[in-house]
Amino acid sequence: MDIQKYIKVEKVPGGQLEDSVVRKGVMINKDVIALGKMRRKIFNQRIILLDWPLEYKKGENQTNAELLKEEDWGVLLQLEEEYIERLCVQILKFKPNVVITEKGLSDLACHYFSKAVLSGMRRLRKTHNNRIAKACGAVIVNRPDELQQSDVGTGGGIFEVKKIGDEFFAFIVDCKEPKACTVLLRGPSKDLLKEVERNLQDAMSVARNILKNSKLGPGGGATQLTVSATLKQKSSSVEGIEKWPYEAAAIAFEAIPRTLAQNCGVNVIRTMTALQGKHAEVEK
């Protein structure tokens, strides 16, 4: 299981470590398109996720258009406007209040969305769109004419855009049954945040392993010494050169607790002798 698909760690310099929070949802470094015309806070949002540009699609190759009259230019512009209007009508009939696309979003589409009191964001990463879908229960749609009522995400709680530091971040949080969450780390420097993130990743990996396999082994070299003592006991019941592999493996397992003792600065010989004696008593 890849933790990064479900838990995203965002590092924003500034503030204190105590300001770090876990949000039940998604946080992305984006703002709404039309500032002042689109809402930055929406409750009980209905989200539509698209993998399709809400602008006039450009040709993949070089396209030439021959205009013989001045009116022809107006016809071309009208065709573009009608195309964008059809896309927006197909979206607005599902009554969303947030539309997010991985591609571009034209000024005309932005105008229609603003009139419908709808907030929009564009050019999101594919990974961000996938995490939003997991958080709010939406389905990413490739074409607006393929939209269905079941594709609209209604599991989100609050859509909000906040300014943290010098940048704006969009939050889709307090979701009903989120399958993705975001850890927001705050701290005075980037180096400190990177160190905290490394420790956090280790902790999340441990938690994942416990959930997948609840069997735990004691640390500090205790497991290795137990295996070593068992192998030594087994070697005593074997005769000839066949006992040598058991003895060699037993010595090899002692390397980990011996190294830990050296790193702690204690007397290695006395510590290892005491530990081996305790394990021998348990075996008896």
Protein backbone atom coordinates (compact mmCIF):
# COMPACT_ATOMS: atom_id res chain seq x y z
CA MET A 1 0.00 0.00 0.00
CA ASP A 2 1.45 3.34 -1.07
CA ILE A 3 0.94 5.83 1.76
CA GLN A 4 1.47 8.83 -0.52
CA LYS A 5 -1.72 8.01 -2.45
CA TYR A 6 -3.78 8.59 0.68
CA ILE A 7 -1.72 10.90 2.91
CA LYS A 8 -0.09 14.03 1.51
CA VAL A 9 2.42 15.99 3.56
CA GLU A 10 2.50 19.72 2.80
CA LYS A 11 5.36 21.83 4.18
CA VAL A 12 4.70 25.55 4.61
CA PRO A 13 7.51 27.54 6.29
CA GLY A 14 6.41 29.89 9.03
CA GLY A 15 4.73 29.57 12.39
CA GLN A 16 5.56 26.95 15.02
CA LEU A 17 5.57 23.15 14.99
CA GLU A 18 2.51 23.28 17.26
CA ASP A 19 0.59 24.87 14.36
CA SER A 20 0.84 21.64 12.34
CA VAL A 21 -2.52 19.95 11.77
CA VAL A 22 -4.09 16.92 10.09
CA ARG A 23 -7.01 17.79 7.81
CA LYS A 24 -9.63 15.26 6.70
CA GLY A 25 -9.42 16.11 3.04
CA VAL A 26 -7.15 17.67 0.45
CA MET A 27 -4.98 20.78 0.41
CA ILE A 28 -3.64 22.16 -2.88
CA ASN A 29 -1.56 25.21 -3.73
CA LYS A 30 -4.22 26.91 -5.89
CA ASP A 31 -6.63 29.84 -5.80
CA VAL A 32 -9.94 30.42 -7.57
CA ILE A 33 -9.64 31.82 -11.09
CA ALA A 34 -11.74 34.98 -10.90
CA LEU A 35 -10.65 36.84 -7.78
CA GLY A 36 -13.49 38.84 -6.27
CA LYS A 37 -16.11 37.12 -8.45
CA MET A 38 -15.87 33.56 -7.19
CA ARG A 39 -16.48 32.50 -3.61
CA ARG A 40 -13.54 31.37 -1.51
CA LYS A 41 -15.62 29.54 1.08
CA ILE A 42 -18.42 27.09 0.29
CA PHE A 43 -20.23 24.70 2.63
CA ASN A 44 -21.66 21.35 1.49
CA GLN A 45 -20.06 21.70 -1.91
CA ARG A 46 -21.00 19.78 -5.03
CA ILE A 47 -17.75 19.17 -6.90
CA ILE A 48 -17.26 18.24 -10.55
CA LEU A 49 -13.80 17.03 -11.57
CA LEU A 50 -12.78 17.20 -15.22
CA ASP A 51 -9.91 16.01 -17.35
CA TRP A 52 -11.01 18.19 -20.26
CA PRO A 53 -10.21 21.79 -21.25
CA LEU A 54 -13.02 24.30 -20.84
CA GLU A 55 -11.69 26.38 -23.68
CA TYR A 56 -11.70 26.17 -27.46
CA LYS A 57 -9.64 23.12 -28.32
CA LYS A 58 -6.63 23.97 -30.40
CA GLY A 59 -5.51 21.77 -33.27
CA GLU A 60 -2.65 19.39 -32.61
CA ASN A 61 -0.99 20.44 -35.86
CA GLN A 62 -0.69 23.80 -37.55
CA THR A 63 -4.11 25.01 -38.65
CA ASN A 64 -4.74 27.62 -41.34
CA ALA A 65 -7.99 29.53 -41.77
CA GLU A 66 -8.63 31.62 -44.88
CA LEU A 67 -10.81 34.65 -44.20
CA LEU A 68 -12.17 36.40 -47.30
CA LYS A 69 -14.43 38.91 -45.58
CA GLU A 70 -14.30 40.87 -42.37
CA GLU A 71 -17.46 39.14 -41.17
CA ASP A 72 -15.72 35.75 -41.30
CA TRP A 73 -13.64 36.66 -38.27
CA GLY A 74 -16.81 37.29 -36.30
CA VAL A 75 -18.15 33.89 -37.38
CA LEU A 76 -15.05 32.16 -36.03
CA LEU A 77 -15.34 33.94 -32.70
CA GLN A 78 -19.02 33.06 -32.50
CA LEU A 79 -18.25 29.38 -33.10
CA GLU A 80 -15.75 29.42 -30.25
CA GLU A 81 -18.22 31.14 -27.92
CA GLU A 82 -20.99 28.68 -28.78
CA TYR A 83 -18.66 25.74 -28.12
CA ILE A 84 -17.69 27.08 -24.68
CA GLU A 85 -21.33 27.86 -23.89
CA ARG A 86 -22.39 24.28 -24.71
CA LEU A 87 -19.73 22.90 -22.38
CA CYS A 88 -20.79 25.21 -19.55
CA VAL A 89 -24.49 24.40 -20.01
CA GLN A 90 -23.74 20.68 -19.80
CA ILE A 91 -21.89 21.27 -16.52
CA LEU A 92 -24.30 23.76 -14.95
CA LYS A 93 -27.35 21.51 -15.36
CA PHE A 94 -25.95 19.34 -12.53
CA LYS A 95 -25.93 22.41 -10.22
CA PRO A 96 -22.33 22.21 -8.95
CA ASN A 97 -20.75 24.96 -6.89
CA VAL A 98 -17.11 23.93 -7.49
CA VAL A 99 -15.60 22.86 -10.83
CA ILE A 100 -11.99 21.69 -11.05
CA THR A 101 -10.21 20.77 -14.27
CA GLU A 102 -6.75 19.48 -15.03
CA LYS A 103 -6.65 21.50 -18.25
CA GLY A 104 -7.30 25.14 -19.13
CA LEU A 105 -10.39 27.22 -18.40
CA SER A 106 -11.15 30.17 -20.67
CA ASP A 107 -12.26 33.64 -19.62
CA LEU A 108 -15.67 33.05 -21.21
CA ALA A 109 -16.22 29.87 -19.19
CA CYS A 110 -15.09 31.78 -16.12
CA HIS A 111 -17.75 34.40 -16.90
CA TYR A 112 -20.51 31.78 -17.10
CA PHE A 113 -19.34 30.18 -13.85
CA SER A 114 -19.26 33.54 -12.06
CA LYS A 115 -22.83 34.29 -13.17
CA ALA A 116 -23.89 30.90 -11.76
CA VAL A 117 -22.15 31.68 -8.42
CA LEU A 118 -19.71 28.84 -9.01
CA SER A 119 -16.03 28.63 -8.07
CA GLY A 120 -13.51 27.10 -10.44
CA MET A 121 -9.86 26.06 -10.50
CA ARG A 122 -7.74 24.99 -13.44
CA ARG A 123 -4.52 23.17 -14.35
CA LEU A 124 -4.39 20.82 -11.38
CA ARG A 125 -2.00 17.90 -11.30
CA LYS A 126 -3.43 14.48 -12.00
CA THR A 127 -2.37 13.28 -8.55
CA HIS A 128 -4.21 16.18 -6.87
CA ASN A 129 -7.36 15.48 -8.85
CA ASN A 130 -7.24 11.80 -7.88
CA ARG A 131 -6.90 12.69 -4.20
CA ILE A 132 -9.83 15.12 -4.38
CA ALA A 133 -11.92 12.35 -5.94
CA LYS A 134 -11.03 10.02 -3.04
CA ALA A 135 -11.84 12.69 -0.48
CA CYS A 136 -15.26 13.83 -1.74
CA GLY A 137 -16.46 10.78 -3.68
CA ALA A 138 -16.40 12.44 -7.11
CA VAL A 139 -15.53 10.75 -10.40
CA ILE A 140 -13.09 12.36 -12.82
CA VAL A 141 -14.88 12.82 -16.16
CA ASN A 142 -13.06 13.03 -19.48
CA ARG A 143 -15.82 14.81 -21.42
CA PRO A 144 -18.55 17.14 -20.09
CA ASP A 145 -21.20 15.44 -22.25
CA GLU A 146 -20.49 12.19 -20.37
CA LEU A 147 -21.33 13.71 -16.99
CA GLN A 148 -23.82 11.88 -14.79
CA GLN A 149 -25.39 12.74 -11.47
CA SER A 150 -23.37 10.01 -9.77
CA ASP A 151 -20.12 11.68 -10.90
CA VAL A 152 -20.75 14.76 -8.75
CA GLY A 153 -18.84 14.70 -5.47
CA THR A 154 -21.14 15.42 -2.54
CA GLY A 155 -19.02 14.00 0.27
CA GLY A 156 -17.05 17.17 0.86
CA GLY A 157 -17.72 19.40 3.83
CA ILE A 158 -16.03 22.77 3.31
CA PHE A 159 -14.28 24.29 0.32
CA GLU A 160 -12.10 27.17 1.46
CA VAL A 161 -9.19 29.18 0.10
CA LYS A 162 -6.77 30.57 2.69
CA LYS A 163 -3.59 32.57 2.50
CA ILE A 164 -0.75 30.92 4.39
CA GLY A 165 2.48 32.84 4.29
CA ASP A 166 2.79 34.38 0.84
CA GLU A 167 0.68 31.86 -1.07
CA PHE A 168 -2.96 30.82 -1.35
CA PHE A 169 -4.05 27.25 -0.62
CA ALA A 170 -7.38 25.62 -1.38
CA PHE A 171 -8.80 23.24 1.24
CA ILE A 172 -11.47 20.61 0.64
CA VAL A 173 -11.85 19.35 4.19
CA ASP A 174 -14.26 17.95 6.78
CA CYS A 175 -15.34 15.33 4.26
CA LYS A 176 -17.92 12.73 5.29
CA GLU A 177 -16.02 9.55 4.41
CA PRO A 178 -12.60 10.71 3.18
CA LYS A 179 -10.16 8.21 1.73
CA ALA A 180 -7.41 10.83 1.62
CA CYS A 181 -6.07 13.32 4.14
CA THR A 182 -3.44 16.05 4.34
CA VAL A 183 -0.81 16.72 6.98
CA LEU A 184 0.09 20.42 7.10
CA LEU A 185 3.51 20.96 8.65
CA ARG A 186 4.50 24.40 9.92
CA GLY A 187 7.91 25.42 11.19
CA PRO A 188 10.45 28.24 11.23
CA SER A 189 12.71 26.83 8.48
CA LYS A 190 12.65 24.50 5.48
CA ASP A 191 15.43 22.32 6.91
CA LEU A 192 13.43 21.69 10.08
CA LEU A 193 10.32 20.84 8.05
CA LYS A 194 12.26 18.34 5.93
CA GLU A 195 13.55 16.62 9.06
CA VAL A 196 10.05 16.48 10.57
CA GLU A 197 8.69 15.07 7.30
CA ARG A 198 11.29 12.28 7.28
CA ASN A 199 10.38 11.32 10.84
CA LEU A 200 6.68 11.48 10.00
CA GLN A 201 7.13 9.23 6.96
CA ASP A 202 8.90 6.66 9.15
CA ALA A 203 6.08 6.80 11.71
CA MET A 204 3.41 6.38 9.03
CA SER A 205 5.27 3.41 7.56
CA VAL A 206 5.36 1.78 10.99
CA ALA A 207 1.62 2.39 11.44
CA ARG A 208 0.93 0.90 7.99
CA ASN A 209 2.98 -2.21 8.79
CA ILE A 210 1.14 -2.68 12.09
CA LEU A 211 -2.22 -2.50 10.32
CA LYS A 212 -1.13 -4.97 7.64
CA ASN A 213 0.56 -7.37 10.09
CA SER A 214 -0.21 -6.93 13.77
CA LYS A 215 2.67 -9.17 14.91
CA LEU A 216 5.33 -7.13 16.70
CA GLY A 217 8.85 -8.05 17.75
CA PRO A 218 10.78 -6.34 20.56
CA GLY A 219 13.56 -4.00 19.50
CA GLY A 220 16.95 -3.13 20.92
CA GLY A 221 18.49 -6.37 19.64
CA ALA A 222 16.28 -8.55 21.87
CA THR A 223 14.85 -10.51 18.94
CA GLN A 224 18.30 -11.13 17.43
CA LEU A 225 19.72 -12.35 20.75
CA THR A 226 16.78 -14.72 21.20
CA VAL A 227 17.38 -16.19 17.76
CA SER A 228 21.11 -16.43 18.53
CA ALA A 229 20.46 -18.27 21.82
CA THR A 230 18.07 -20.67 20.08
CA LEU A 231 20.64 -21.44 17.36
CA LYS A 232 23.36 -22.06 19.98
CA GLN A 233 21.07 -24.45 21.83
CA LYS A 234 20.32 -26.25 18.57
CA SER A 235 24.02 -26.53 17.71
CA SER A 236 24.70 -28.29 21.02
CA SER A 237 22.46 -31.16 19.91
CA VAL A 238 24.23 -31.54 16.55
CA GLU A 239 27.51 -33.42 16.19
CA GLY A 240 30.40 -32.93 13.82
CA ILE A 241 30.85 -30.18 11.29
CA GLU A 242 27.10 -29.90 10.78
CA LYS A 243 26.93 -27.73 13.91
CA TRP A 244 29.17 -25.04 12.41
CA PRO A 245 26.44 -23.30 10.35
CA TYR A 246 24.31 -22.95 13.48
CA GLU A 247 27.19 -21.44 15.44
CA ALA A 248 28.13 -19.06 12.58
CA ALA A 249 24.54 -17.84 12.23
CA ALA A 250 24.27 -17.37 16.01
CA ILE A 251 27.40 -15.18 16.01
CA ALA A 252 26.09 -13.19 13.03
CA PHE A 253 22.82 -12.36 14.82
CA GLU A 254 24.82 -10.95 17.74
CA ALA A 255 26.21 -8.20 15.49
CA ILE A 256 23.09 -6.02 15.81
CA PRO A 257 22.88 -5.85 19.64
CA ARG A 258 26.68 -5.48 19.78
CA THR A 259 26.52 -2.50 17.41
CA LEU A 260 23.71 -0.93 19.44
CA ALA A 261 25.78 -1.31 22.60
CA GLN A 262 28.76 0.35 20.92
CA ASN A 263 26.62 3.28 19.78
CA CYS A 264 25.29 3.75 23.32
CA GLY A 265 28.82 3.99 24.73
CA VAL A 266 28.42 1.17 27.28
CA ASN A 267 30.90 -1.62 27.96
CA VAL A 268 30.18 -3.97 25.06
CA ILE A 269 31.66 -7.15 26.56
CA ARG A 270 29.91 -6.82 29.92
CA THR A 271 26.59 -5.85 28.31
CA MET A 272 26.64 -8.73 25.83
CA THR A 273 27.62 -11.21 28.55
CA ALA A 274 24.80 -10.02 30.81
CA LEU A 275 22.24 -10.20 28.00
CA GLN A 276 23.38 -13.66 26.90
CA GLY A 277 23.15 -14.83 30.50
CA LYS A 278 19.57 -13.59 30.82
CA HIS A 279 18.59 -15.31 27.57
CA ALA A 280 20.22 -18.52 28.75
CA GLU A 281 18.20 -18.37 31.99
CA VAL A 282 14.98 -17.95 30.02
CA GLU A 283 15.85 -20.95 27.83
CA LYS A 284 16.31 -23.09 30.95
